[in-house]
Amino acid sequence: MTTLVIAEHDNTQLKGATLHTVSAARKIGGPVHVLVAGLDTQAVTDVAARIEGVEKVLVADAPQLAEGLAENVAAQVIALAGRYSHIFFSATAAGKNVAPRVAAKLDASQISEIVSVEAPDTFKRPIYAGNAIATVQSSDAVIVATVRTTAFDAARPGGGAASIETVAAVPDANTSRVVRREVVKSDRPELTAARVVVSGGRGLGSAENFAILEPLAEKLGAAIGASRAAVDSGFAPNDYQVGQTGKIVAPELYVAVGISGAIQHLAGMKDAKVIVAVNKDADAPIFSVADYGLVGDLFDVVPALTQLV
């Protein structure tokens, strides 16, 4: 049994999600290979080859793979699938875009967001917004799964010495093209990789009030997140959203400000090691998962916390 992990990258840097996915793949028990599909990816390939536990890095380098278009990446994975018993993707936007296409072409039932590997054919995954964990078993010849990266420690990015093999790139599918790419640049940590996250909810009342979180986040070296209610109300951009339909985070510290704690939000952050909640409603559901809760007016509490940090 050999597992293929699909590397997530931007052609110059390997995304941290790949390290967590490698850890999940290692629990299968067989060799782990990593596919780097892109253009001019030497820097990514070198990093992938040094990941502890990776035996081989496959490199598909071609212009049609440069933008990571799902149709082309899926075709590349399918071209290699015959070698593997398992194909693992990170449960990120990119992984969720490609994995279903691969599973469909292989006539396999994709297993989504695994949080535990019980056996080579048996996995645990959350259902009902994370309120229950299902144990699922697959009899597919090739198991295609996405990995909830917050459930697995990152593989050590040094110490490995994987061999590197160049594989033939698949032709361009010519079914889609990149028209424009808008990249949000920020000096703050990336939300899903941050050690500390400060999130705001609808209780902040407006986009102007949402800015009250920035000094606290600055002092903590934190990423800023938001509940879906805050995003839908226009208080914060979509890429801040934490929750079942947003980003899944598991930082060392999660500070929830003005967030009631709807089940969909809890699904995205309840694995944080320490949760601090600030809300004026003592009965808010967020307090059921918080390690520390402060009942009070957030407009008084947040500035006071900022001064104390």
C-alpha atoms as a PDB file:
ATOM      1  CA  MET A   1       0.000   0.000   0.000  1.00  0.00           C
ATOM      2  CA  THR A   2       1.435   3.329  -1.101  1.00  0.00           C
ATOM      3  CA  THR A   3      -0.220   6.688  -0.486  1.00  0.00           C
ATOM      4  CA  LEU A   4       0.005   9.666  -2.827  1.00  0.00           C
ATOM      5  CA  VAL A   5      -0.283  13.106  -1.220  1.00  0.00           C
ATOM      6  CA  ILE A   6      -1.113  15.993  -3.531  1.00  0.00           C
ATOM      7  CA  ALA A   7       1.094  18.937  -2.578  1.00  0.00           C
ATOM      8  CA  GLU A   8      -0.535  22.330  -2.223  1.00  0.00           C
ATOM      9  CA  HIS A   9       1.695  25.200  -3.322  1.00  0.00           C
ATOM     10  CA  ASP A  10       1.939  28.418  -5.334  1.00  0.00           C
ATOM     11  CA  ASN A  11       4.882  27.232  -7.470  1.00  0.00           C
ATOM     12  CA  THR A  12       7.357  28.869  -5.085  1.00  0.00           C
ATOM     13  CA  GLN A  13       6.264  27.842  -1.573  1.00  0.00           C
ATOM     14  CA  LEU A  14       4.832  24.622  -0.180  1.00  0.00           C
ATOM     15  CA  LYS A  15       1.688  25.262   1.869  1.00  0.00           C
ATOM     16  CA  GLY A  16       1.714  24.120   5.473  1.00  0.00           C
ATOM     17  CA  ALA A  17      -1.440  22.066   4.921  1.00  0.00           C
ATOM     18  CA  THR A  18       0.651  19.545   2.979  1.00  0.00           C
ATOM     19  CA  LEU A  19       2.733  18.741   6.071  1.00  0.00           C
ATOM     20  CA  HIS A  20      -0.400  17.805   8.018  1.00  0.00           C
ATOM     21  CA  THR A  21      -1.680  15.703   5.129  1.00  0.00           C
ATOM     22  CA  VAL A  22       1.622  13.809   5.003  1.00  0.00           C
ATOM     23  CA  SER A  23       1.193  12.980   8.701  1.00  0.00           C
ATOM     24  CA  ALA A  24      -2.224  11.503   7.966  1.00  0.00           C
ATOM     25  CA  ALA A  25      -0.821   9.519   5.037  1.00  0.00           C
ATOM     26  CA  ARG A  26       1.939   8.050   7.198  1.00  0.00           C
ATOM     27  CA  LYS A  27      -0.695   6.497   9.462  1.00  0.00           C
ATOM     28  CA  ILE A  28      -1.730   4.198   6.586  1.00  0.00           C
ATOM     29  CA  GLY A  29       1.510   2.358   7.223  1.00  0.00           C
ATOM     30  CA  GLY A  30       3.010   2.161   3.739  1.00  0.00           C
ATOM     31  CA  PRO A  31       5.321   4.400   1.711  1.00  0.00           C
ATOM     32  CA  VAL A  32       4.268   8.008   1.158  1.00  0.00           C
ATOM     33  CA  HIS A  33       4.814   9.798  -2.156  1.00  0.00           C
ATOM     34  CA  VAL A  34       4.112  13.487  -2.840  1.00  0.00           C
ATOM     35  CA  LEU A  35       3.002  14.906  -6.186  1.00  0.00           C
ATOM     36  CA  VAL A  36       4.149  18.422  -7.037  1.00  0.00           C
ATOM     37  CA  ALA A  37       2.220  19.587 -10.107  1.00  0.00           C
ATOM     38  CA  GLY A  38       2.980  23.076 -11.362  1.00  0.00           C
ATOM     39  CA  LEU A  39       5.511  25.146 -13.294  1.00  0.00           C
ATOM     40  CA  ASP A  40       9.099  25.873 -12.259  1.00  0.00           C
ATOM     41  CA  THR A  41       8.527  24.233  -8.891  1.00  0.00           C
ATOM     42  CA  GLN A  42      12.127  23.418  -7.979  1.00  0.00           C
ATOM     43  CA  ALA A  43      11.902  25.279  -4.659  1.00  0.00           C
ATOM     44  CA  VAL A  44       8.704  23.431  -3.742  1.00  0.00           C
ATOM     45  CA  THR A  45      10.173  20.098  -4.806  1.00  0.00           C
ATOM     46  CA  ASP A  46      13.268  20.609  -2.650  1.00  0.00           C
ATOM     47  CA  VAL A  47      11.142  21.330   0.430  1.00  0.00           C
ATOM     48  CA  ALA A  48       8.842  18.367  -0.256  1.00  0.00           C
ATOM     49  CA  ALA A  49      11.815  16.029  -0.591  1.00  0.00           C
ATOM     50  CA  ARG A  50      12.986  16.960   2.898  1.00  0.00           C
ATOM     51  CA  ILE A  51       9.682  16.221   4.649  1.00  0.00           C
ATOM     52  CA  GLU A  52      10.179  13.475   7.192  1.00  0.00           C
ATOM     53  CA  GLY A  53       8.458  10.263   6.128  1.00  0.00           C
ATOM     54  CA  VAL A  54       8.234  11.035   2.411  1.00  0.00           C
ATOM     55  CA  GLU A  55       9.882   8.359   0.264  1.00  0.00           C
ATOM     56  CA  LYS A  56       9.480   9.881  -3.208  1.00  0.00           C
ATOM     57  CA  VAL A  57       8.470  13.200  -4.784  1.00  0.00           C
ATOM     58  CA  LEU A  58       6.861  13.089  -8.229  1.00  0.00           C
ATOM     59  CA  VAL A  59       7.232  16.252 -10.286  1.00  0.00           C
ATOM     60  CA  ALA A  60       4.919  17.187 -13.154  1.00  0.00           C
ATOM     61  CA  ASP A  61       6.173  20.476 -14.584  1.00  0.00           C
ATOM     62  CA  ALA A  62       4.305  22.179 -17.424  1.00  0.00           C
ATOM     63  CA  PRO A  63       2.653  25.533 -18.277  1.00  0.00           C
ATOM     64  CA  GLN A  64      -0.837  24.005 -18.150  1.00  0.00           C
ATOM     65  CA  LEU A  65      -0.271  23.085 -14.498  1.00  0.00           C
ATOM     66  CA  ALA A  66       0.985  26.510 -13.454  1.00  0.00           C
ATOM     67  CA  GLU A  67      -2.350  27.879 -12.224  1.00  0.00           C
ATOM     68  CA  GLY A  68      -3.505  24.730 -10.455  1.00  0.00           C
ATOM     69  CA  LEU A  69      -6.663  24.450 -12.537  1.00  0.00           C
ATOM     70  CA  ALA A  70      -8.762  21.620 -11.120  1.00  0.00           C
ATOM     71  CA  GLU A  71      -9.346  19.915 -14.475  1.00  0.00           C
ATOM     72  CA  ASN A  72      -5.637  19.669 -15.265  1.00  0.00           C
ATOM     73  CA  VAL A  73      -4.494  18.713 -11.772  1.00  0.00           C
ATOM     74  CA  ALA A  74      -7.201  16.045 -11.544  1.00  0.00           C
ATOM     75  CA  ALA A  75      -6.125  14.593 -14.894  1.00  0.00           C
ATOM     76  CA  GLN A  76      -2.526  14.504 -13.673  1.00  0.00           C
ATOM     77  CA  VAL A  77      -3.506  12.635 -10.508  1.00  0.00           C
ATOM     78  CA  ILE A  78      -5.640  10.161 -12.456  1.00  0.00           C
ATOM     79  CA  ALA A  79      -2.719   9.455 -14.802  1.00  0.00           C
ATOM     80  CA  LEU A  80      -0.717   8.297 -11.756  1.00  0.00           C
ATOM     81  CA  ALA A  81      -3.512   6.699  -9.740  1.00  0.00           C
ATOM     82  CA  GLY A  82      -2.765   3.137 -10.840  1.00  0.00           C
ATOM     83  CA  ARG A  83       0.337   3.099  -8.662  1.00  0.00           C
ATOM     84  CA  TYR A  84      -1.482   3.907  -5.429  1.00  0.00           C
ATOM     85  CA  SER A  85      -3.883   2.448  -2.893  1.00  0.00           C
ATOM     86  CA  HIS A  86      -4.679   5.843  -1.328  1.00  0.00           C
ATOM     87  CA  ILE A  87      -4.769   9.410  -2.659  1.00  0.00           C
ATOM     88  CA  PHE A  88      -4.893  12.155  -0.026  1.00  0.00           C
ATOM     89  CA  PHE A  89      -5.701  15.834  -0.484  1.00  0.00           C
ATOM     90  CA  SER A  90      -5.750  18.605   2.115  1.00  0.00           C
ATOM     91  CA  ALA A  91      -9.308  19.633   2.980  1.00  0.00           C
ATOM     92  CA  THR A  92      -8.684  23.156   1.694  1.00  0.00           C
ATOM     93  CA  ALA A  93     -10.422  25.053  -1.086  1.00  0.00           C
ATOM     94  CA  ALA A  94      -7.890  23.697  -3.578  1.00  0.00           C
ATOM     95  CA  GLY A  95      -8.094  20.111  -2.331  1.00  0.00           C
ATOM     96  CA  LYS A  96     -11.890  20.135  -2.249  1.00  0.00           C
ATOM     97  CA  ASN A  97     -11.900  21.392  -5.837  1.00  0.00           C
ATOM     98  CA  VAL A  98      -9.787  18.548  -7.210  1.00  0.00           C
ATOM     99  CA  ALA A  99     -10.559  15.521  -5.010  1.00  0.00           C
ATOM    100  CA  PRO A 100     -14.194  14.983  -6.119  1.00  0.00           C
ATOM    101  CA  ARG A 101     -13.144  15.020  -9.775  1.00  0.00           C
ATOM    102  CA  VAL A 102     -10.504  12.378  -9.109  1.00  0.00           C
ATOM    103  CA  ALA A 103     -12.892  10.217  -7.081  1.00  0.00           C
ATOM    104  CA  ALA A 104     -15.571  10.385  -9.784  1.00  0.00           C
ATOM    105  CA  LYS A 105     -13.153   9.390 -12.547  1.00  0.00           C
ATOM    106  CA  LEU A 106     -11.876   6.488 -10.441  1.00  0.00           C
ATOM    107  CA  ASP A 107     -15.432   5.407  -9.559  1.00  0.00           C
ATOM    108  CA  ALA A 108     -14.563   5.815  -5.888  1.00  0.00           C
ATOM    109  CA  SER A 109     -16.541   7.233  -2.981  1.00  0.00           C
ATOM    110  CA  GLN A 110     -14.608  10.204  -1.677  1.00  0.00           C
ATOM    111  CA  ILE A 111     -14.150  10.289   2.099  1.00  0.00           C
ATOM    112  CA  SER A 112     -14.282  13.905   3.221  1.00  0.00           C
ATOM    113  CA  GLU A 113     -12.328  15.605   6.018  1.00  0.00           C
ATOM    114  CA  ILE A 114     -10.928  12.593   7.806  1.00  0.00           C
ATOM    115  CA  VAL A 115      -9.792  13.294  11.361  1.00  0.00           C
ATOM    116  CA  SER A 116      -8.420   9.845  12.201  1.00  0.00           C
ATOM    117  CA  VAL A 117      -6.989   6.814  10.421  1.00  0.00           C
ATOM    118  CA  GLU A 118      -8.250   3.699  12.202  1.00  0.00           C
ATOM    119  CA  ALA A 119      -7.012   1.210   9.586  1.00  0.00           C
ATOM    120  CA  PRO A 120      -5.992   1.406   5.932  1.00  0.00           C
ATOM    121  CA  ASP A 121      -9.654   1.127   4.917  1.00  0.00           C
ATOM    122  CA  THR A 122     -11.300   2.733   7.966  1.00  0.00           C
ATOM    123  CA  PHE A 123     -11.448   6.402   8.916  1.00  0.00           C
ATOM    124  CA  LYS A 124     -13.245   8.789  11.227  1.00  0.00           C
ATOM    125  CA  ARG A 125     -14.825  12.000   9.967  1.00  0.00           C
ATOM    126  CA  PRO A 126     -17.110  14.643  11.487  1.00  0.00           C
ATOM    127  CA  ILE A 127     -20.798  14.844  10.563  1.00  0.00           C
ATOM    128  CA  TYR A 128     -23.696  17.078  11.641  1.00  0.00           C
ATOM    129  CA  ALA A 129     -21.449  20.154  11.832  1.00  0.00           C
ATOM    130  CA  GLY A 130     -18.978  18.280  13.985  1.00  0.00           C
ATOM    131  CA  ASN A 131     -21.495  17.171  16.606  1.00  0.00           C
ATOM    132  CA  ALA A 132     -20.914  13.506  15.803  1.00  0.00           C
ATOM    133  CA  ILE A 133     -18.007  11.483  14.469  1.00  0.00           C
ATOM    134  CA  ALA A 134     -18.747   8.795  11.895  1.00  0.00           C
ATOM    135  CA  THR A 135     -16.504   5.780  11.398  1.00  0.00           C
ATOM    136  CA  VAL A 136     -16.499   4.860   7.717  1.00  0.00           C
ATOM    137  CA  GLN A 137     -15.000   1.903   5.893  1.00  0.00           C
ATOM    138  CA  SER A 138     -14.200   1.827   2.185  1.00  0.00           C
ATOM    139  CA  SER A 139     -13.905  -1.140  -0.147  1.00  0.00           C
ATOM    140  CA  ASP A 140     -12.773   0.971  -3.124  1.00  0.00           C
ATOM    141  CA  ALA A 141      -9.684  -0.173  -4.988  1.00  0.00           C
ATOM    142  CA  VAL A 142      -8.248   3.336  -4.590  1.00  0.00           C
ATOM    143  CA  ILE A 143      -9.288   5.367  -1.568  1.00  0.00           C
ATOM    144  CA  VAL A 144      -9.624   9.090  -2.246  1.00  0.00           C
ATOM    145  CA  ALA A 145      -9.855  11.274   0.851  1.00  0.00           C
ATOM    146  CA  THR A 146      -9.508  14.845   2.009  1.00  0.00           C
ATOM    147  CA  VAL A 147      -7.726  15.419   5.315  1.00  0.00           C
ATOM    148  CA  ARG A 148      -8.837  17.899   7.963  1.00  0.00           C
ATOM    149  CA  THR A 149      -5.392  19.277   8.617  1.00  0.00           C
ATOM    150  CA  THR A 150      -6.159  20.551  12.111  1.00  0.00           C
ATOM    151  CA  ALA A 151      -6.639  16.940  13.259  1.00  0.00           C
ATOM    152  CA  PHE A 152      -3.050  15.881  12.499  1.00  0.00           C
ATOM    153  CA  ASP A 153       0.292  17.273  13.627  1.00  0.00           C
ATOM    154  CA  ALA A 154       2.505  18.665  10.891  1.00  0.00           C
ATOM    155  CA  ALA A 155       5.202  16.347   9.574  1.00  0.00           C
ATOM    156  CA  ARG A 156       8.706  17.587  10.329  1.00  0.00           C
ATOM    157  CA  PRO A 157       9.821  19.692   7.341  1.00  0.00           C
ATOM    158  CA  GLY A 158      13.462  18.636   7.664  1.00  0.00           C
ATOM    159  CA  GLY A 159      15.380  15.425   7.985  1.00  0.00           C
ATOM    160  CA  GLY A 160      13.893  13.618   5.010  1.00  0.00           C
ATOM    161  CA  ALA A 161      15.783  12.640   1.870  1.00  0.00           C
ATOM    162  CA  ALA A 162      13.181  11.558  -0.658  1.00  0.00           C
ATOM    163  CA  SER A 163      14.073  10.610  -4.200  1.00  0.00           C
ATOM    164  CA  ILE A 164      12.729  12.834  -6.975  1.00  0.00           C
ATOM    165  CA  GLU A 165      11.083  11.475 -10.109  1.00  0.00           C
ATOM    166  CA  THR A 166       9.930  13.523 -13.083  1.00  0.00           C
ATOM    167  CA  VAL A 167       6.647  12.340 -14.579  1.00  0.00           C
ATOM    168  CA  ALA A 168       5.067  13.226 -17.909  1.00  0.00           C
ATOM    169  CA  ALA A 169       2.613  16.115 -17.673  1.00  0.00           C
ATOM    170  CA  VAL A 170      -0.898  15.566 -19.000  1.00  0.00           C
ATOM    171  CA  PRO A 171      -2.155  17.705 -21.913  1.00  0.00           C
ATOM    172  CA  ASP A 172      -4.130  20.870 -21.219  1.00  0.00           C
ATOM    173  CA  ALA A 173      -7.839  20.055 -20.780  1.00  0.00           C
ATOM    174  CA  ASN A 174      -8.711  23.426 -22.364  1.00  0.00           C
ATOM    175  CA  THR A 175     -11.968  23.624 -20.408  1.00  0.00           C
ATOM    176  CA  SER A 176     -11.103  26.581 -18.169  1.00  0.00           C
ATOM    177  CA  ARG A 177      -8.610  29.397 -17.833  1.00  0.00           C
ATOM    178  CA  VAL A 178      -7.507  31.902 -15.222  1.00  0.00           C
ATOM    179  CA  VAL A 179      -8.834  35.350 -16.061  1.00  0.00           C
ATOM    180  CA  ARG A 180      -7.589  37.252 -13.029  1.00  0.00           C
ATOM    181  CA  ARG A 181      -6.079  36.457  -9.656  1.00  0.00           C
ATOM    182  CA  GLU A 182      -6.671  38.760  -6.703  1.00  0.00           C
ATOM    183  CA  VAL A 183      -4.355  37.986  -3.808  1.00  0.00           C
ATOM    184  CA  VAL A 184      -5.015  39.455  -0.382  1.00  0.00           C
ATOM    185  CA  LYS A 185      -1.753  40.584   1.165  1.00  0.00           C
ATOM    186  CA  SER A 186      -1.455  40.985   4.901  1.00  0.00           C
ATOM    187  CA  ASP A 187       1.288  41.297   7.485  1.00  0.00           C
ATOM    188  CA  ARG A 188      -0.758  39.067   9.780  1.00  0.00           C
ATOM    189  CA  PRO A 189      -0.368  35.271   9.962  1.00  0.00           C
ATOM    190  CA  GLU A 190      -2.447  33.170   7.573  1.00  0.00           C
ATOM    191  CA  LEU A 191      -5.694  32.285   9.334  1.00  0.00           C
ATOM    192  CA  THR A 192      -5.522  28.485   9.149  1.00  0.00           C
ATOM    193  CA  ALA A 193      -1.852  28.414  10.225  1.00  0.00           C
ATOM    194  CA  ALA A 194      -1.910  31.051  12.984  1.00  0.00           C
ATOM    195  CA  ARG A 195      -1.017  30.160  16.572  1.00  0.00           C
ATOM    196  CA  VAL A 196      -3.456  32.795  17.839  1.00  0.00           C
ATOM    197  CA  VAL A 197      -6.754  33.885  16.272  1.00  0.00           C
ATOM    198  CA  VAL A 198      -8.943  36.804  17.353  1.00  0.00           C
ATOM    199  CA  SER A 199     -12.435  36.542  15.867  1.00  0.00           C
ATOM    200  CA  GLY A 200     -15.365  38.910  15.869  1.00  0.00           C
ATOM    201  CA  GLY A 201     -19.079  38.311  15.488  1.00  0.00           C
ATOM    202  CA  ARG A 202     -22.270  40.192  14.807  1.00  0.00           C
ATOM    203  CA  GLY A 203     -22.120  41.606  18.337  1.00  0.00           C
ATOM    204  CA  LEU A 204     -19.558  44.136  17.107  1.00  0.00           C
ATOM    205  CA  GLY A 205     -22.371  45.898  15.277  1.00  0.00           C
ATOM    206  CA  SER A 206     -20.559  47.377  12.271  1.00  0.00           C
ATOM    207  CA  ALA A 207     -17.468  47.199  10.081  1.00  0.00           C
ATOM    208  CA  GLU A 208     -16.138  50.282  11.861  1.00  0.00           C
ATOM    209  CA  ASN A 209     -16.521  48.629  15.247  1.00  0.00           C
ATOM    210  CA  PHE A 210     -14.853  45.462  13.928  1.00  0.00           C
ATOM    211  CA  ALA A 211     -11.603  47.446  13.849  1.00  0.00           C
ATOM    212  CA  ILE A 212     -11.557  47.320  17.664  1.00  0.00           C
ATOM    213  CA  LEU A 213     -10.044  43.836  17.317  1.00  0.00           C
ATOM    214  CA  GLU A 214      -6.973  45.030  15.417  1.00  0.00           C
ATOM    215  CA  PRO A 215      -4.915  46.416  18.350  1.00  0.00           C
ATOM    216  CA  LEU A 216      -5.509  43.212  20.338  1.00  0.00           C
ATOM    217  CA  ALA A 217      -4.583  41.034  17.356  1.00  0.00           C
ATOM    218  CA  GLU A 218      -1.492  43.178  16.774  1.00  0.00           C
ATOM    219  CA  LYS A 219      -0.269  42.678  20.335  1.00  0.00           C
ATOM    220  CA  LEU A 220      -0.950  38.935  20.270  1.00  0.00           C
ATOM    221  CA  GLY A 221       0.574  38.437  16.819  1.00  0.00           C
ATOM    222  CA  ALA A 222      -2.772  36.972  15.838  1.00  0.00           C
ATOM    223  CA  ALA A 223      -4.750  36.395  12.672  1.00  0.00           C
ATOM    224  CA  ILE A 224      -8.211  37.945  12.537  1.00  0.00           C
ATOM    225  CA  GLY A 225     -11.269  35.797  11.944  1.00  0.00           C
ATOM    226  CA  ALA A 226     -15.007  36.329  11.846  1.00  0.00           C
ATOM    227  CA  SER A 227     -18.254  34.459  12.223  1.00  0.00           C
ATOM    228  CA  ARG A 228     -20.477  33.931   9.220  1.00  0.00           C
ATOM    229  CA  ALA A 229     -22.965  36.404  10.675  1.00  0.00           C
ATOM    230  CA  ALA A 230     -20.264  39.090  10.753  1.00  0.00           C
ATOM    231  CA  VAL A 231     -19.207  38.305   7.185  1.00  0.00           C
ATOM    232  CA  ASP A 232     -22.791  38.242   5.898  1.00  0.00           C
ATOM    233  CA  SER A 233     -23.399  41.594   7.596  1.00  0.00           C
ATOM    234  CA  GLY A 234     -20.421  43.099   5.772  1.00  0.00           C
ATOM    235  CA  PHE A 235     -18.306  43.604   8.887  1.00  0.00           C
ATOM    236  CA  ALA A 236     -15.408  41.502   7.564  1.00  0.00           C
ATOM    237  CA  PRO A 237     -14.266  40.018   4.225  1.00  0.00           C
ATOM    238  CA  ASN A 238     -15.163  36.460   3.209  1.00  0.00           C
ATOM    239  CA  ASP A 239     -11.638  35.137   3.718  1.00  0.00           C
ATOM    240  CA  TYR A 240     -11.940  35.904   7.464  1.00  0.00           C
ATOM    241  CA  GLN A 241     -14.821  33.468   7.931  1.00  0.00           C
ATOM    242  CA  VAL A 242     -14.304  30.667  10.437  1.00  0.00           C
ATOM    243  CA  GLY A 243     -16.781  27.821  10.595  1.00  0.00           C
ATOM    244  CA  GLN A 244     -18.394  24.929   8.792  1.00  0.00           C
ATOM    245  CA  THR A 245     -18.723  26.941   5.574  1.00  0.00           C
ATOM    246  CA  GLY A 246     -15.526  28.912   6.184  1.00  0.00           C
ATOM    247  CA  LYS A 247     -12.079  27.970   7.407  1.00  0.00           C
ATOM    248  CA  ILE A 248     -11.310  25.320   9.996  1.00  0.00           C
ATOM    249  CA  VAL A 249      -8.772  26.504  12.568  1.00  0.00           C
ATOM    250  CA  ALA A 250      -7.120  24.925  15.581  1.00  0.00           C
ATOM    251  CA  PRO A 251      -4.810  27.563  17.071  1.00  0.00           C
ATOM    252  CA  GLU A 252      -3.223  27.473  20.490  1.00  0.00           C
ATOM    253  CA  LEU A 253      -5.446  30.406  21.500  1.00  0.00           C
ATOM    254  CA  TYR A 254      -8.814  31.441  20.026  1.00  0.00           C
ATOM    255  CA  VAL A 255     -10.430  34.648  21.248  1.00  0.00           C
ATOM    256  CA  ALA A 256     -14.115  34.930  20.310  1.00  0.00           C
ATOM    257  CA  VAL A 257     -15.492  38.448  20.662  1.00  0.00           C
ATOM    258  CA  GLY A 258     -19.209  39.120  20.258  1.00  0.00           C
ATOM    259  CA  ILE A 259     -19.782  35.639  18.822  1.00  0.00           C
ATOM    260  CA  SER A 260     -22.866  33.812  20.089  1.00  0.00           C
ATOM    261  CA  GLY A 261     -21.511  30.369  19.165  1.00  0.00           C
ATOM    262  CA  ALA A 262     -23.820  28.972  16.505  1.00  0.00           C
ATOM    263  CA  ILE A 263     -23.173  25.311  15.796  1.00  0.00           C
ATOM    264  CA  GLN A 264     -21.728  26.131  12.359  1.00  0.00           C
ATOM    265  CA  HIS A 265     -19.114  28.425  13.909  1.00  0.00           C
ATOM    266  CA  LEU A 266     -18.188  25.984  16.658  1.00  0.00           C
ATOM    267  CA  ALA A 267     -17.484  23.350  13.988  1.00  0.00           C
ATOM    268  CA  GLY A 268     -14.658  25.521  12.692  1.00  0.00           C
ATOM    269  CA  MET A 269     -12.853  26.410  15.919  1.00  0.00           C
ATOM    270  CA  LYS A 270     -13.729  24.080  18.784  1.00  0.00           C
ATOM    271  CA  ASP A 271     -10.444  22.164  18.368  1.00  0.00           C
ATOM    272  CA  ALA A 272      -8.480  25.231  19.504  1.00  0.00           C
ATOM    273  CA  LYS A 273      -6.353  24.378  22.530  1.00  0.00           C
ATOM    274  CA  VAL A 274      -7.568  27.355  24.598  1.00  0.00           C
ATOM    275  CA  ILE A 275     -10.790  29.252  23.841  1.00  0.00           C
ATOM    276  CA  VAL A 276     -11.556  32.650  25.385  1.00  0.00           C
ATOM    277  CA  ALA A 277     -15.051  34.073  24.865  1.00  0.00           C
ATOM    278  CA  VAL A 278     -16.282  37.621  25.426  1.00  0.00           C
ATOM    279  CA  ASN A 279     -20.040  38.144  25.232  1.00  0.00           C
ATOM    280  CA  LYS A 280     -22.630  40.179  27.112  1.00  0.00           C
ATOM    281  CA  ASP A 281     -25.089  37.243  27.046  1.00  0.00           C
ATOM    282  CA  ALA A 282     -24.228  34.838  29.853  1.00  0.00           C
ATOM    283  CA  ASP A 283     -26.276  32.137  28.139  1.00  0.00           C
ATOM    284  CA  ALA A 284     -24.498  32.368  24.776  1.00  0.00           C
ATOM    285  CA  PRO A 285     -23.634  28.892  23.410  1.00  0.00           C
ATOM    286  CA  ILE A 286     -19.995  29.934  22.937  1.00  0.00           C
ATOM    287  CA  PHE A 287     -19.487  29.604  26.703  1.00  0.00           C
ATOM    288  CA  SER A 288     -20.213  25.870  26.487  1.00  0.00           C
ATOM    289  CA  VAL A 289     -16.899  25.306  24.669  1.00  0.00           C
ATOM    290  CA  ALA A 290     -14.877  28.179  26.153  1.00  0.00           C
ATOM    291  CA  ASP A 291     -12.070  27.523  28.605  1.00  0.00           C
ATOM    292  CA  TYR A 292     -12.372  31.092  29.845  1.00  0.00           C
ATOM    293  CA  GLY A 293     -15.508  33.211  29.536  1.00  0.00           C
ATOM    294  CA  LEU A 294     -15.994  36.880  30.252  1.00  0.00           C
ATOM    295  CA  VAL A 295     -19.526  38.250  30.436  1.00  0.00           C
ATOM    296  CA  GLY A 296     -19.468  41.951  29.692  1.00  0.00           C
ATOM    297  CA  ASP A 297     -19.636  44.732  27.144  1.00  0.00           C
ATOM    298  CA  LEU A 298     -17.036  43.932  24.503  1.00  0.00           C
ATOM    299  CA  PHE A 299     -16.433  47.646  23.901  1.00  0.00           C
ATOM    300  CA  ASP A 300     -15.123  47.876  27.467  1.00  0.00           C
ATOM    301  CA  VAL A 301     -13.534  44.429  27.687  1.00  0.00           C
ATOM    302  CA  VAL A 302     -11.488  44.391  24.450  1.00  0.00           C
ATOM    303  CA  PRO A 303      -9.646  47.697  25.091  1.00  0.00           C
ATOM    304  CA  ALA A 304      -8.944  46.565  28.651  1.00  0.00           C
ATOM    305  CA  LEU A 305      -7.561  43.222  27.421  1.00  0.00           C
ATOM    306  CA  THR A 306      -5.434  45.047  24.860  1.00  0.00           C
ATOM    307  CA  GLN A 307      -3.871  47.182  27.578  1.00  0.00           C
ATOM    308  CA  LEU A 308      -3.114  44.135  29.691  1.00  0.00           C
ATOM    309  CA  VAL A 309      -1.386  42.138  26.948  1.00  0.00           C
END
